[in-house]
Amino acid sequence: MKRAEEIVDEWVTAAQAAELLDVPVTKVHRKIEDRALLGLKSGTPPTMRIPALFIKDGQPVPALRGTLVLLADAGFSDDEAIAWLYENDDTLPGRAIDFLRRGEKSEIRRRAQALAF
């Protein structure tokens, strides 16, 4: 599996996410802790970056949290979870994140849950 850094084409910082969500940066960090969002620290100095597609219409993608919890339960690291959501899957077809953004969570969650077994 590729690393998230190699697959995700657009990232936002926690500060940019706060602007998009119209909340303080501390709330963005809380959303990451609660798995409503997911991000990775990178750069020098390390800065929290969140995939831009995780935010839609001023909110975290609604179906994202449950999917992130399932992936964590399956043993995925944050990097692996982001990469899994962004990788093209010919059997869908497309990427899991695109399905979640459209509100089509059932098949994605079924696949994420199957990874735990």
C-alpha atoms as a PDB file:
ATOM      1  CA  MET A   1       0.000   0.000   0.000  1.00  0.00           C
ATOM      2  CA  LYS A   2       1.249   3.467  -0.856  1.00  0.00           C
ATOM      3  CA  ARG A   3       1.724   6.078   1.821  1.00  0.00           C
ATOM      4  CA  ALA A   4      -0.886   8.800   2.178  1.00  0.00           C
ATOM      5  CA  GLU A   5       1.733  11.422   1.283  1.00  0.00           C
ATOM      6  CA  GLU A   6       2.062   9.767  -2.148  1.00  0.00           C
ATOM      7  CA  ILE A   7      -1.670   9.538  -2.870  1.00  0.00           C
ATOM      8  CA  VAL A   8      -3.409  12.577  -1.375  1.00  0.00           C
ATOM      9  CA  ASP A   9      -3.210  15.466  -3.800  1.00  0.00           C
ATOM     10  CA  GLU A  10      -4.545  18.259  -1.589  1.00  0.00           C
ATOM     11  CA  TRP A  11      -3.984  18.823   2.111  1.00  0.00           C
ATOM     12  CA  VAL A  12      -5.093  21.586   4.465  1.00  0.00           C
ATOM     13  CA  THR A  13      -3.400  22.591   7.692  1.00  0.00           C
ATOM     14  CA  ALA A  14      -5.309  22.477  10.963  1.00  0.00           C
ATOM     15  CA  ALA A  15      -5.602  26.274  10.770  1.00  0.00           C
ATOM     16  CA  GLN A  16      -7.040  26.088   7.242  1.00  0.00           C
ATOM     17  CA  ALA A  17      -9.419  23.323   8.340  1.00  0.00           C
ATOM     18  CA  ALA A  18     -10.541  25.542  11.224  1.00  0.00           C
ATOM     19  CA  GLU A  19     -11.410  28.281   8.727  1.00  0.00           C
ATOM     20  CA  LEU A  20     -13.296  25.837   6.477  1.00  0.00           C
ATOM     21  CA  LEU A  21     -15.201  24.446   9.463  1.00  0.00           C
ATOM     22  CA  ASP A  22     -15.644  27.871  11.097  1.00  0.00           C
ATOM     23  CA  VAL A  23     -14.300  26.602  14.426  1.00  0.00           C
ATOM     24  CA  PRO A  24     -11.191  27.298  16.528  1.00  0.00           C
ATOM     25  CA  VAL A  25      -8.093  25.205  15.770  1.00  0.00           C
ATOM     26  CA  THR A  26      -8.541  23.456  19.117  1.00  0.00           C
ATOM     27  CA  LYS A  27     -11.866  22.047  17.840  1.00  0.00           C
ATOM     28  CA  VAL A  28     -10.091  20.680  14.754  1.00  0.00           C
ATOM     29  CA  HIS A  29      -7.652  18.841  16.998  1.00  0.00           C
ATOM     30  CA  ARG A  30     -10.610  17.542  19.038  1.00  0.00           C
ATOM     31  CA  LYS A  31     -12.279  16.299  15.835  1.00  0.00           C
ATOM     32  CA  ILE A  32      -9.057  14.448  15.001  1.00  0.00           C
ATOM     33  CA  GLU A  33      -8.981  12.899  18.487  1.00  0.00           C
ATOM     34  CA  ASP A  34     -12.641  11.878  18.077  1.00  0.00           C
ATOM     35  CA  ARG A  35     -11.885  10.448  14.600  1.00  0.00           C
ATOM     36  CA  ALA A  36     -14.358  12.776  12.893  1.00  0.00           C
ATOM     37  CA  LEU A  37     -11.278  13.878  10.928  1.00  0.00           C
ATOM     38  CA  LEU A  38      -7.854  12.385  10.442  1.00  0.00           C
ATOM     39  CA  GLY A  39      -4.537  14.045   9.782  1.00  0.00           C
ATOM     40  CA  LEU A  40      -0.816  13.476   9.707  1.00  0.00           C
ATOM     41  CA  LYS A  41       2.039  15.576  11.039  1.00  0.00           C
ATOM     42  CA  SER A  42       4.742  16.321   8.505  1.00  0.00           C
ATOM     43  CA  GLY A  43       7.282  18.940   7.538  1.00  0.00           C
ATOM     44  CA  THR A  44       9.728  20.958   9.589  1.00  0.00           C
ATOM     45  CA  PRO A  45       8.478  21.946  12.057  1.00  0.00           C
ATOM     46  CA  PRO A  46       5.882  19.156  12.062  1.00  0.00           C
ATOM     47  CA  THR A  47       2.471  20.529  11.124  1.00  0.00           C
ATOM     48  CA  MET A  48      -0.857  18.704  11.249  1.00  0.00           C
ATOM     49  CA  ARG A  49      -2.255  18.297   7.749  1.00  0.00           C
ATOM     50  CA  ILE A  50      -5.681  16.928   6.871  1.00  0.00           C
ATOM     51  CA  PRO A  51      -6.772  15.621   3.463  1.00  0.00           C
ATOM     52  CA  ALA A  52      -8.912  18.370   1.927  1.00  0.00           C
ATOM     53  CA  LEU A  53     -11.576  15.900   0.754  1.00  0.00           C
ATOM     54  CA  PHE A  54     -12.335  15.019   4.388  1.00  0.00           C
ATOM     55  CA  ILE A  55     -14.183  18.362   4.634  1.00  0.00           C
ATOM     56  CA  LYS A  56     -17.329  19.056   2.616  1.00  0.00           C
ATOM     57  CA  ASP A  57     -19.732  21.982   2.844  1.00  0.00           C
ATOM     58  CA  GLY A  58     -18.123  23.328   6.016  1.00  0.00           C
ATOM     59  CA  GLN A  59     -18.312  20.008   7.893  1.00  0.00           C
ATOM     60  CA  PRO A  60     -16.296  16.816   8.196  1.00  0.00           C
ATOM     61  CA  VAL A  61     -17.686  14.267   5.720  1.00  0.00           C
ATOM     62  CA  PRO A  62     -20.490  12.700   7.831  1.00  0.00           C
ATOM     63  CA  ALA A  63     -19.723   9.065   6.939  1.00  0.00           C
ATOM     64  CA  LEU A  64     -16.012   9.481   7.643  1.00  0.00           C
ATOM     65  CA  ARG A  65     -15.993   8.965  11.425  1.00  0.00           C
ATOM     66  CA  GLY A  66     -17.548   5.499  11.450  1.00  0.00           C
ATOM     67  CA  THR A  67     -15.297   4.376   8.629  1.00  0.00           C
ATOM     68  CA  LEU A  68     -12.180   5.674  10.398  1.00  0.00           C
ATOM     69  CA  VAL A  69     -13.189   3.824  13.566  1.00  0.00           C
ATOM     70  CA  LEU A  70     -13.630   0.580  11.596  1.00  0.00           C
ATOM     71  CA  LEU A  71     -10.222   0.998   9.947  1.00  0.00           C
ATOM     72  CA  ALA A  72      -8.569   1.663  13.327  1.00  0.00           C
ATOM     73  CA  ASP A  73     -10.263  -1.454  14.711  1.00  0.00           C
ATOM     74  CA  ALA A  74      -8.815  -3.372  11.750  1.00  0.00           C
ATOM     75  CA  GLY A  75      -5.334  -2.277  12.874  1.00  0.00           C
ATOM     76  CA  PHE A  76      -4.755   0.456  10.294  1.00  0.00           C
ATOM     77  CA  SER A  77      -2.423   3.305  11.234  1.00  0.00           C
ATOM     78  CA  ASP A  78      -3.607   6.837  10.440  1.00  0.00           C
ATOM     79  CA  ASP A  79      -1.342   6.870   7.375  1.00  0.00           C
ATOM     80  CA  GLU A  80      -2.704   3.512   6.181  1.00  0.00           C
ATOM     81  CA  ALA A  81      -6.319   4.577   6.758  1.00  0.00           C
ATOM     82  CA  ILE A  82      -5.898   7.744   4.709  1.00  0.00           C
ATOM     83  CA  ALA A  83      -4.130   5.822   1.934  1.00  0.00           C
ATOM     84  CA  TRP A  84      -6.896   3.160   1.905  1.00  0.00           C
ATOM     85  CA  LEU A  85      -9.562   5.843   1.526  1.00  0.00           C
ATOM     86  CA  TYR A  86      -7.687   7.468  -1.369  1.00  0.00           C
ATOM     87  CA  GLU A  87      -6.500   4.406  -3.298  1.00  0.00           C
ATOM     88  CA  ASN A  88      -8.325   3.596  -6.523  1.00  0.00           C
ATOM     89  CA  ASP A  89     -10.285   0.375  -6.261  1.00  0.00           C
ATOM     90  CA  ASP A  90     -11.303  -1.183  -9.567  1.00  0.00           C
ATOM     91  CA  THR A  91     -13.952  -3.279  -7.815  1.00  0.00           C
ATOM     92  CA  LEU A  92     -15.921  -0.218  -6.645  1.00  0.00           C
ATOM     93  CA  PRO A  93     -14.985   1.497  -9.126  1.00  0.00           C
ATOM     94  CA  GLY A  94     -13.243   4.535  -7.733  1.00  0.00           C
ATOM     95  CA  ARG A  95     -11.997   5.609  -4.341  1.00  0.00           C
ATOM     96  CA  ALA A  96     -13.630   5.033  -0.985  1.00  0.00           C
ATOM     97  CA  ILE A  97     -13.410   8.742  -0.109  1.00  0.00           C
ATOM     98  CA  ASP A  98     -15.475   9.638  -3.187  1.00  0.00           C
ATOM     99  CA  PHE A  99     -18.205   7.194  -2.116  1.00  0.00           C
ATOM    100  CA  LEU A 100     -18.218   8.632   1.415  1.00  0.00           C
ATOM    101  CA  ARG A 101     -18.451  12.194   0.099  1.00  0.00           C
ATOM    102  CA  ARG A 102     -21.554  11.168  -1.877  1.00  0.00           C
ATOM    103  CA  GLY A 103     -23.070   9.630   1.256  1.00  0.00           C
ATOM    104  CA  GLU A 104     -22.651   6.087  -0.068  1.00  0.00           C
ATOM    105  CA  LYS A 105     -21.205   4.533   3.053  1.00  0.00           C
ATOM    106  CA  SER A 106     -22.674   1.011   3.201  1.00  0.00           C
ATOM    107  CA  GLU A 107     -20.299  -0.717   0.772  1.00  0.00           C
ATOM    108  CA  ILE A 108     -17.277   1.169   2.095  1.00  0.00           C
ATOM    109  CA  ARG A 109     -18.075   0.268   5.696  1.00  0.00           C
ATOM    110  CA  ARG A 110     -18.685  -3.364   4.728  1.00  0.00           C
ATOM    111  CA  ARG A 111     -15.244  -3.482   3.115  1.00  0.00           C
ATOM    112  CA  ALA A 112     -13.591  -1.735   6.067  1.00  0.00           C
ATOM    113  CA  GLN A 113     -15.254  -4.128   8.502  1.00  0.00           C
ATOM    114  CA  ALA A 114     -14.114  -7.136   6.450  1.00  0.00           C
ATOM    115  CA  LEU A 115     -10.508  -5.962   6.839  1.00  0.00           C
ATOM    116  CA  ALA A 116     -10.739  -6.624  10.580  1.00  0.00           C
ATOM    117  CA  PHE A 117     -11.202 -10.366  10.032  1.00  0.00           C
END
